[in-house]
């Protein structure tokens, strides 16, 4: 329904999609401006950082497109309109994710794909069958991990009533963090996003394997192939949190 509504005004859709593309492109412009003053950032060159940026942007962009409307849940909790979703013969999670579905978010996916393509054209990587296979695996796994973060953040809103900005700190803030190499951050932060909130499995670990770089925590090489398992585990935990939050919902009483 929302897609049909959006495409009824094609010029507006084209302009908003371009605006989304441009807004996200400025993130990469900021990175290129840094490299106008330095040759490397944390020991990583511009094409290597662009590789990190592209992997993170595409994975997050897909998750934001599919399930990014979860941050609207807090508003429904406050005004009681979540009740209308509970009486419909469809999963509440799917309804919340589809609420005001914004096709314009394709602009972020397109922009991230272009940066990723540019980085691959500049990198001197010895491509093997394993590295080629890891690329789509990393993107799909990153998509799953970000979806889990979106759902877990939405589940937290059942407790906080309106915590969209807290959720954004881990979703939009997480993808911004991953745009930079792990070597520019403190070891404790790297441990946190590896073992606590495993965002490092979105791009840091797969990219380190593809580029032949040692990960700061000196993890074994095979860890680069664990993002699918991490994504499945994160989605399972997020699903449990969502069901627990939904069971605790008591409406507004009005």
C-alpha atoms as a PDB file:
ATOM      1  CA  UNK A   1       0.000   0.000   0.000  1.00  0.00           C
ATOM      2  CA  UNK A   2       2.749   2.410   0.918  1.00  0.00           C
ATOM      3  CA  UNK A   3       4.702   1.596  -2.255  1.00  0.00           C
ATOM      4  CA  UNK A   4       1.627   2.287  -4.400  1.00  0.00           C
ATOM      5  CA  UNK A   5       1.072   5.532  -2.493  1.00  0.00           C
ATOM      6  CA  UNK A   6       4.687   6.566  -3.059  1.00  0.00           C
ATOM      7  CA  UNK A   7       4.695   5.746  -6.777  1.00  0.00           C
ATOM      8  CA  UNK A   8       1.531   7.789  -7.304  1.00  0.00           C
ATOM      9  CA  UNK A   9       3.821  10.824  -7.136  1.00  0.00           C
ATOM     10  CA  UNK A  10       6.843   9.716  -9.108  1.00  0.00           C
ATOM     11  CA  UNK A  11       8.532  13.111  -9.275  1.00  0.00           C
ATOM     12  CA  UNK A  12       8.287  13.448  -5.503  1.00  0.00           C
ATOM     13  CA  UNK A  13       9.666   9.911  -5.086  1.00  0.00           C
ATOM     14  CA  UNK A  14      12.593  10.685  -7.392  1.00  0.00           C
ATOM     15  CA  UNK A  15      13.429  13.898  -5.526  1.00  0.00           C
ATOM     16  CA  UNK A  16      13.199  12.367  -2.048  1.00  0.00           C
ATOM     17  CA  UNK A  17      15.275   9.358  -3.133  1.00  0.00           C
ATOM     18  CA  UNK A  18      17.905  11.683  -4.580  1.00  0.00           C
ATOM     19  CA  UNK A  19      17.809  13.708  -1.375  1.00  0.00           C
ATOM     20  CA  UNK A  20      18.379  10.548   0.649  1.00  0.00           C
ATOM     21  CA  UNK A  21      21.250   9.615  -1.679  1.00  0.00           C
ATOM     22  CA  UNK A  22      22.822  13.061  -1.320  1.00  0.00           C
ATOM     23  CA  UNK A  23      22.461  13.237   2.457  1.00  0.00           C
ATOM     24  CA  UNK A  24      24.201   9.912   2.953  1.00  0.00           C
ATOM     25  CA  UNK A  25      26.839  10.769   0.343  1.00  0.00           C
ATOM     26  CA  UNK A  26      28.057  13.633   2.529  1.00  0.00           C
ATOM     27  CA  UNK A  27      29.180  11.048   5.090  1.00  0.00           C
ATOM     28  CA  UNK A  28      31.674   9.742   2.565  1.00  0.00           C
ATOM     29  CA  UNK A  29      32.609  13.271   1.516  1.00  0.00           C
ATOM     30  CA  UNK A  30      33.667  13.899   5.131  1.00  0.00           C
ATOM     31  CA  UNK A  31      35.931  10.857   4.960  1.00  0.00           C
ATOM     32  CA  UNK A  32      37.524  11.989   1.688  1.00  0.00           C
ATOM     33  CA  UNK A  33      38.164  15.413   3.227  1.00  0.00           C
ATOM     34  CA  UNK A  34      40.109  13.717   6.018  1.00  0.00           C
ATOM     35  CA  UNK A  35      42.282  12.012   3.440  1.00  0.00           C
ATOM     36  CA  UNK A  36      43.025  15.332   1.808  1.00  0.00           C
ATOM     37  CA  UNK A  37      45.161  15.992   4.893  1.00  0.00           C
ATOM     38  CA  UNK A  38      46.442  12.505   5.733  1.00  0.00           C
ATOM     39  CA  UNK A  39      47.641   9.537   3.700  1.00  0.00           C
ATOM     40  CA  UNK A  40      46.178   6.884   5.999  1.00  0.00           C
ATOM     41  CA  UNK A  41      43.637   6.665   8.800  1.00  0.00           C
ATOM     42  CA  UNK A  42      44.668   4.208  11.470  1.00  0.00           C
ATOM     43  CA  UNK A  43      46.980   2.629   8.896  1.00  0.00           C
ATOM     44  CA  UNK A  44      44.140   2.191   6.353  1.00  0.00           C
ATOM     45  CA  UNK A  45      44.146   3.885   2.954  1.00  0.00           C
ATOM     46  CA  UNK A  46      41.156   5.662   1.425  1.00  0.00           C
ATOM     47  CA  UNK A  47      40.094   2.708  -0.778  1.00  0.00           C
ATOM     48  CA  UNK A  48      40.281   0.395   2.252  1.00  0.00           C
ATOM     49  CA  UNK A  49      38.170   2.749   4.380  1.00  0.00           C
ATOM     50  CA  UNK A  50      35.767   3.082   1.449  1.00  0.00           C
ATOM     51  CA  UNK A  51      35.527  -0.717   1.417  1.00  0.00           C
ATOM     52  CA  UNK A  52      34.486  -0.648   5.087  1.00  0.00           C
ATOM     53  CA  UNK A  53      32.070   2.173   4.355  1.00  0.00           C
ATOM     54  CA  UNK A  54      30.471   0.382   1.422  1.00  0.00           C
ATOM     55  CA  UNK A  55      29.941  -2.909   3.247  1.00  0.00           C
ATOM     56  CA  UNK A  56      28.396  -1.138   6.239  1.00  0.00           C
ATOM     57  CA  UNK A  57      26.257   1.223   4.151  1.00  0.00           C
ATOM     58  CA  UNK A  58      24.782  -1.511   1.943  1.00  0.00           C
ATOM     59  CA  UNK A  59      24.003  -3.839   4.867  1.00  0.00           C
ATOM     60  CA  UNK A  60      22.495  -1.070   6.958  1.00  0.00           C
ATOM     61  CA  UNK A  61      20.663   0.425   3.984  1.00  0.00           C
ATOM     62  CA  UNK A  62      18.917  -2.871   3.263  1.00  0.00           C
ATOM     63  CA  UNK A  63      17.942  -3.271   6.923  1.00  0.00           C
ATOM     64  CA  UNK A  64      16.757   0.330   7.099  1.00  0.00           C
ATOM     65  CA  UNK A  65      14.687  -0.176   3.957  1.00  0.00           C
ATOM     66  CA  UNK A  66      13.033  -3.382   5.173  1.00  0.00           C
ATOM     67  CA  UNK A  67      12.592  -2.744   8.878  1.00  0.00           C
ATOM     68  CA  UNK A  68      13.637   0.864   9.527  1.00  0.00           C
ATOM     69  CA  UNK A  69      10.102   1.905  10.497  1.00  0.00           C
ATOM     70  CA  UNK A  70      10.504   0.109  13.835  1.00  0.00           C
ATOM     71  CA  UNK A  71      11.500   3.408  15.433  1.00  0.00           C
ATOM     72  CA  UNK A  72       7.870   4.535  15.071  1.00  0.00           C
ATOM     73  CA  UNK A  73       6.783   1.984  17.657  1.00  0.00           C
ATOM     74  CA  UNK A  74       7.273   4.394  20.568  1.00  0.00           C
ATOM     75  CA  UNK A  75       4.662   6.746  19.160  1.00  0.00           C
ATOM     76  CA  UNK A  76       2.148   3.910  18.848  1.00  0.00           C
ATOM     77  CA  UNK A  77       2.828   2.864  22.418  1.00  0.00           C
ATOM     78  CA  UNK A  78       2.134   6.377  23.687  1.00  0.00           C
ATOM     79  CA  UNK A  79      -1.105   6.981  21.812  1.00  0.00           C
ATOM     80  CA  UNK A  80      -2.418   3.408  22.038  1.00  0.00           C
ATOM     81  CA  UNK A  81      -2.648   2.837  18.281  1.00  0.00           C
ATOM     82  CA  UNK A  82      -0.665  -0.374  18.651  1.00  0.00           C
ATOM     83  CA  UNK A  83      -3.980  -1.907  19.732  1.00  0.00           C
ATOM     84  CA  UNK A  84      -5.245  -1.699  16.156  1.00  0.00           C
ATOM     85  CA  UNK A  85      -2.332  -3.853  15.004  1.00  0.00           C
ATOM     86  CA  UNK A  86      -2.997  -6.478  17.667  1.00  0.00           C
ATOM     87  CA  UNK A  87      -6.493  -7.246  16.370  1.00  0.00           C
ATOM     88  CA  UNK A  88      -5.442  -7.707  12.754  1.00  0.00           C
ATOM     89  CA  UNK A  89      -4.777 -11.223  11.407  1.00  0.00           C
ATOM     90  CA  UNK A  90      -1.117 -10.505  10.649  1.00  0.00           C
ATOM     91  CA  UNK A  91       2.133 -10.573  12.681  1.00  0.00           C
ATOM     92  CA  UNK A  92       2.563  -7.351  14.659  1.00  0.00           C
ATOM     93  CA  UNK A  93       6.265  -7.215  13.822  1.00  0.00           C
ATOM     94  CA  UNK A  94       5.536  -7.297  10.081  1.00  0.00           C
ATOM     95  CA  UNK A  95       2.889  -4.589  10.445  1.00  0.00           C
ATOM     96  CA  UNK A  96       5.192  -2.278  12.406  1.00  0.00           C
ATOM     97  CA  UNK A  97       8.011  -2.831   9.900  1.00  0.00           C
ATOM     98  CA  UNK A  98       5.667  -2.015   6.996  1.00  0.00           C
ATOM     99  CA  UNK A  99       4.263   1.100   8.683  1.00  0.00           C
ATOM    100  CA  UNK A 100       4.951   4.073   6.374  1.00  0.00           C
ATOM    101  CA  UNK A 101       7.337   1.953   4.308  1.00  0.00           C
ATOM    102  CA  UNK A 102       9.784   4.423   2.740  1.00  0.00           C
ATOM    103  CA  UNK A 103      11.018   3.316  -0.670  1.00  0.00           C
ATOM    104  CA  UNK A 104      13.171   6.467  -0.793  1.00  0.00           C
ATOM    105  CA  UNK A 105      15.643   4.652   1.457  1.00  0.00           C
ATOM    106  CA  UNK A 106      16.898   2.943  -1.695  1.00  0.00           C
ATOM    107  CA  UNK A 107      19.030   6.069  -2.046  1.00  0.00           C
ATOM    108  CA  UNK A 108      21.235   4.917   0.851  1.00  0.00           C
ATOM    109  CA  UNK A 109      21.620   1.435  -0.643  1.00  0.00           C
ATOM    110  CA  UNK A 110      22.523   2.890  -4.042  1.00  0.00           C
ATOM    111  CA  UNK A 111      25.055   5.293  -2.576  1.00  0.00           C
ATOM    112  CA  UNK A 112      26.694   2.563  -0.485  1.00  0.00           C
ATOM    113  CA  UNK A 113      26.839   0.246  -3.498  1.00  0.00           C
ATOM    114  CA  UNK A 114      28.587   2.909  -5.582  1.00  0.00           C
ATOM    115  CA  UNK A 115      31.192   3.539  -2.894  1.00  0.00           C
ATOM    116  CA  UNK A 116      31.738  -0.205  -2.493  1.00  0.00           C
ATOM    117  CA  UNK A 117      32.159  -0.608  -6.247  1.00  0.00           C
ATOM    118  CA  UNK A 118      34.633   2.295  -6.371  1.00  0.00           C
ATOM    119  CA  UNK A 119      36.690   0.813  -3.545  1.00  0.00           C
ATOM    120  CA  UNK A 120      36.864  -2.581  -5.241  1.00  0.00           C
ATOM    121  CA  UNK A 121      38.136  -0.922  -8.413  1.00  0.00           C
ATOM    122  CA  UNK A 122      40.970   0.732  -6.465  1.00  0.00           C
ATOM    123  CA  UNK A 123      42.003  -2.071  -4.133  1.00  0.00           C
ATOM    124  CA  UNK A 124      44.791  -4.445  -5.047  1.00  0.00           C
ATOM    125  CA  UNK A 125      43.335  -7.625  -3.596  1.00  0.00           C
ATOM    126  CA  UNK A 126      44.433 -11.132  -4.484  1.00  0.00           C
ATOM    127  CA  UNK A 127      40.954 -12.499  -5.089  1.00  0.00           C
ATOM    128  CA  UNK A 128      40.278 -16.136  -4.337  1.00  0.00           C
ATOM    129  CA  UNK A 129      37.070 -18.156  -4.453  1.00  0.00           C
ATOM    130  CA  UNK A 130      36.793 -17.850  -0.665  1.00  0.00           C
ATOM    131  CA  UNK A 131      37.081 -14.068  -0.716  1.00  0.00           C
ATOM    132  CA  UNK A 132      34.561 -13.745  -3.544  1.00  0.00           C
ATOM    133  CA  UNK A 133      32.102 -15.922  -1.636  1.00  0.00           C
ATOM    134  CA  UNK A 134      32.618 -13.935   1.547  1.00  0.00           C
ATOM    135  CA  UNK A 135      31.433 -10.692  -0.049  1.00  0.00           C
ATOM    136  CA  UNK A 136      27.700 -11.547  -0.430  1.00  0.00           C
ATOM    137  CA  UNK A 137      27.840 -13.535   2.812  1.00  0.00           C
ATOM    138  CA  UNK A 138      29.103 -10.464   4.660  1.00  0.00           C
ATOM    139  CA  UNK A 139      26.422  -8.189   3.167  1.00  0.00           C
ATOM    140  CA  UNK A 140      23.561 -10.569   3.975  1.00  0.00           C
ATOM    141  CA  UNK A 141      24.916 -11.271   7.452  1.00  0.00           C
ATOM    142  CA  UNK A 142      25.304  -7.561   8.131  1.00  0.00           C
ATOM    143  CA  UNK A 143      21.718  -7.062   6.982  1.00  0.00           C
ATOM    144  CA  UNK A 144      20.571  -9.682   9.492  1.00  0.00           C
ATOM    145  CA  UNK A 145      22.610  -8.207  12.332  1.00  0.00           C
ATOM    146  CA  UNK A 146      21.249  -4.705  11.746  1.00  0.00           C
ATOM    147  CA  UNK A 147      17.686  -6.085  11.522  1.00  0.00           C
ATOM    148  CA  UNK A 148      18.222  -7.713  14.907  1.00  0.00           C
ATOM    149  CA  UNK A 149      19.417  -4.403  16.358  1.00  0.00           C
ATOM    150  CA  UNK A 150      16.332  -2.638  14.986  1.00  0.00           C
ATOM    151  CA  UNK A 151      14.008  -5.252  16.514  1.00  0.00           C
ATOM    152  CA  UNK A 152      15.837  -5.304  19.847  1.00  0.00           C
ATOM    153  CA  UNK A 153      15.651  -1.507  20.004  1.00  0.00           C
ATOM    154  CA  UNK A 154      11.925  -1.655  19.294  1.00  0.00           C
ATOM    155  CA  UNK A 155      11.474  -4.261  22.041  1.00  0.00           C
ATOM    156  CA  UNK A 156      13.211  -1.904  24.475  1.00  0.00           C
ATOM    157  CA  UNK A 157      10.583   0.717  23.703  1.00  0.00           C
ATOM    158  CA  UNK A 158       7.958  -1.467  25.380  1.00  0.00           C
ATOM    159  CA  UNK A 159       9.823  -0.735  28.613  1.00  0.00           C
ATOM    160  CA  UNK A 160      10.882   2.858  27.968  1.00  0.00           C
ATOM    161  CA  UNK A 161       7.669   3.820  26.095  1.00  0.00           C
ATOM    162  CA  UNK A 162       9.622   6.093  23.756  1.00  0.00           C
ATOM    163  CA  UNK A 163      13.283   5.352  23.194  1.00  0.00           C
ATOM    164  CA  UNK A 164      13.689   5.958  19.486  1.00  0.00           C
ATOM    165  CA  UNK A 165      16.827   8.030  19.995  1.00  0.00           C
ATOM    166  CA  UNK A 166      18.370   5.298  22.126  1.00  0.00           C
ATOM    167  CA  UNK A 167      17.588   2.871  19.328  1.00  0.00           C
ATOM    168  CA  UNK A 168      19.104   5.248  16.756  1.00  0.00           C
ATOM    169  CA  UNK A 169      22.317   5.390  18.765  1.00  0.00           C
ATOM    170  CA  UNK A 170      22.861   1.697  18.046  1.00  0.00           C
ATOM    171  CA  UNK A 171      21.488   1.596  14.487  1.00  0.00           C
ATOM    172  CA  UNK A 172      22.512   4.825  12.765  1.00  0.00           C
ATOM    173  CA  UNK A 173      25.324   5.317  15.282  1.00  0.00           C
ATOM    174  CA  UNK A 174      26.495   1.764  14.736  1.00  0.00           C
ATOM    175  CA  UNK A 175      26.805   2.101  10.986  1.00  0.00           C
ATOM    176  CA  UNK A 176      28.694   5.396  11.413  1.00  0.00           C
ATOM    177  CA  UNK A 177      31.131   3.650  13.771  1.00  0.00           C
ATOM    178  CA  UNK A 178      31.740   0.873  11.259  1.00  0.00           C
ATOM    179  CA  UNK A 179      32.643   3.345   8.509  1.00  0.00           C
ATOM    180  CA  UNK A 180      36.042   3.796  10.152  1.00  0.00           C
ATOM    181  CA  UNK A 181      38.761   1.166  10.690  1.00  0.00           C
ATOM    182  CA  UNK A 182      38.926  -0.565  14.089  1.00  0.00           C
ATOM    183  CA  UNK A 183      42.494   0.651  14.580  1.00  0.00           C
ATOM    184  CA  UNK A 184      41.333   4.220  15.281  1.00  0.00           C
ATOM    185  CA  UNK A 185      39.300   3.117  18.312  1.00  0.00           C
ATOM    186  CA  UNK A 186      40.364   1.988  21.758  1.00  0.00           C
ATOM    187  CA  UNK A 187      40.762  -1.725  22.401  1.00  0.00           C
ATOM    188  CA  UNK A 188      37.884  -1.782  24.907  1.00  0.00           C
ATOM    189  CA  UNK A 189      35.472  -0.317  22.352  1.00  0.00           C
ATOM    190  CA  UNK A 190      36.610  -2.863  19.765  1.00  0.00           C
ATOM    191  CA  UNK A 191      36.009  -5.644  22.299  1.00  0.00           C
ATOM    192  CA  UNK A 192      32.547  -4.235  23.030  1.00  0.00           C
ATOM    193  CA  UNK A 193      31.403  -4.227  19.394  1.00  0.00           C
ATOM    194  CA  UNK A 194      32.908  -7.674  18.870  1.00  0.00           C
ATOM    195  CA  UNK A 195      31.742  -9.660  21.905  1.00  0.00           C
ATOM    196  CA  UNK A 196      28.852  -7.603  23.397  1.00  0.00           C
ATOM    197  CA  UNK A 197      27.062  -5.899  20.502  1.00  0.00           C
ATOM    198  CA  UNK A 198      28.640  -7.811  17.598  1.00  0.00           C
ATOM    199  CA  UNK A 199      28.586  -5.070  14.981  1.00  0.00           C
ATOM    200  CA  UNK A 200      32.186  -5.886  14.079  1.00  0.00           C
ATOM    201  CA  UNK A 201      30.894  -8.957  12.218  1.00  0.00           C
ATOM    202  CA  UNK A 202      29.123  -6.649   9.747  1.00  0.00           C
ATOM    203  CA  UNK A 203      32.317  -5.472   8.072  1.00  0.00           C
ATOM    204  CA  UNK A 204      35.419  -5.212  10.284  1.00  0.00           C
ATOM    205  CA  UNK A 205      36.136  -8.947  10.452  1.00  0.00           C
ATOM    206  CA  UNK A 206      35.168  -9.857   6.849  1.00  0.00           C
ATOM    207  CA  UNK A 207      37.052  -6.833   5.491  1.00  0.00           C
ATOM    208  CA  UNK A 208      40.156  -7.717   7.503  1.00  0.00           C
ATOM    209  CA  UNK A 209      40.121 -11.173   5.909  1.00  0.00           C
ATOM    210  CA  UNK A 210      39.589  -9.870   2.368  1.00  0.00           C
ATOM    211  CA  UNK A 211      42.260  -7.185   2.706  1.00  0.00           C
ATOM    212  CA  UNK A 212      44.713  -9.465   4.481  1.00  0.00           C
ATOM    213  CA  UNK A 213      44.868  -7.304   7.608  1.00  0.00           C
ATOM    214  CA  UNK A 214      45.273  -8.491  11.181  1.00  0.00           C
ATOM    215  CA  UNK A 215      42.303  -7.769  13.422  1.00  0.00           C
ATOM    216  CA  UNK A 216      43.269  -5.695  16.510  1.00  0.00           C
ATOM    217  CA  UNK A 217      42.097  -8.433  18.913  1.00  0.00           C
ATOM    218  CA  UNK A 218      44.213 -11.087  17.156  1.00  0.00           C
ATOM    219  CA  UNK A 219      41.279 -13.396  16.537  1.00  0.00           C
ATOM    220  CA  UNK A 220      41.808 -16.508  14.382  1.00  0.00           C
ATOM    221  CA  UNK A 221      41.274 -16.154  10.647  1.00  0.00           C
ATOM    222  CA  UNK A 222      38.240 -18.471  10.566  1.00  0.00           C
ATOM    223  CA  UNK A 223      36.268 -15.968  12.655  1.00  0.00           C
ATOM    224  CA  UNK A 224      35.727 -13.982   9.443  1.00  0.00           C
ATOM    225  CA  UNK A 225      33.330 -16.754   8.327  1.00  0.00           C
ATOM    226  CA  UNK A 226      31.156 -16.618  11.446  1.00  0.00           C
ATOM    227  CA  UNK A 227      28.941 -13.579  10.572  1.00  0.00           C
ATOM    228  CA  UNK A 228      26.056 -15.839   9.395  1.00  0.00           C
ATOM    229  CA  UNK A 229      26.051 -17.641  12.750  1.00  0.00           C
ATOM    230  CA  UNK A 230      26.243 -14.334  14.593  1.00  0.00           C
ATOM    231  CA  UNK A 231      23.360 -12.951  12.523  1.00  0.00           C
ATOM    232  CA  UNK A 232      21.181 -15.985  13.271  1.00  0.00           C
ATOM    233  CA  UNK A 233      21.996 -15.752  16.979  1.00  0.00           C
ATOM    234  CA  UNK A 234      21.268 -12.022  17.091  1.00  0.00           C
ATOM    235  CA  UNK A 235      17.951 -12.468  15.277  1.00  0.00           C
ATOM    236  CA  UNK A 236      16.946 -15.256  17.674  1.00  0.00           C
ATOM    237  CA  UNK A 237      17.720 -13.109  20.729  1.00  0.00           C
ATOM    238  CA  UNK A 238      15.955 -10.101  19.195  1.00  0.00           C
ATOM    239  CA  UNK A 239      12.918 -12.275  18.499  1.00  0.00           C
ATOM    240  CA  UNK A 240      12.790 -13.400  22.121  1.00  0.00           C
ATOM    241  CA  UNK A 241      13.081  -9.786  23.292  1.00  0.00           C
ATOM    242  CA  UNK A 242      10.286  -8.744  20.923  1.00  0.00           C
ATOM    243  CA  UNK A 243       7.923 -11.446  22.135  1.00  0.00           C
ATOM    244  CA  UNK A 244       8.681 -10.601  25.767  1.00  0.00           C
ATOM    245  CA  UNK A 245       8.004  -6.904  25.105  1.00  0.00           C
ATOM    246  CA  UNK A 246       4.790  -7.630  23.241  1.00  0.00           C
ATOM    247  CA  UNK A 247       3.523  -9.846  26.083  1.00  0.00           C
ATOM    248  CA  UNK A 248       4.216  -7.034  28.573  1.00  0.00           C
ATOM    249  CA  UNK A 249       2.180  -4.475  26.612  1.00  0.00           C
ATOM    250  CA  UNK A 250      -0.884  -3.280  28.540  1.00  0.00           C
ATOM    251  CA  UNK A 251      -2.206  -0.542  26.238  1.00  0.00           C
ATOM    252  CA  UNK A 252      -2.846   3.026  27.410  1.00  0.00           C
ATOM    253  CA  UNK A 253      -5.969   2.226  29.391  1.00  0.00           C
ATOM    254  CA  UNK A 254      -8.077   4.632  27.343  1.00  0.00           C
END
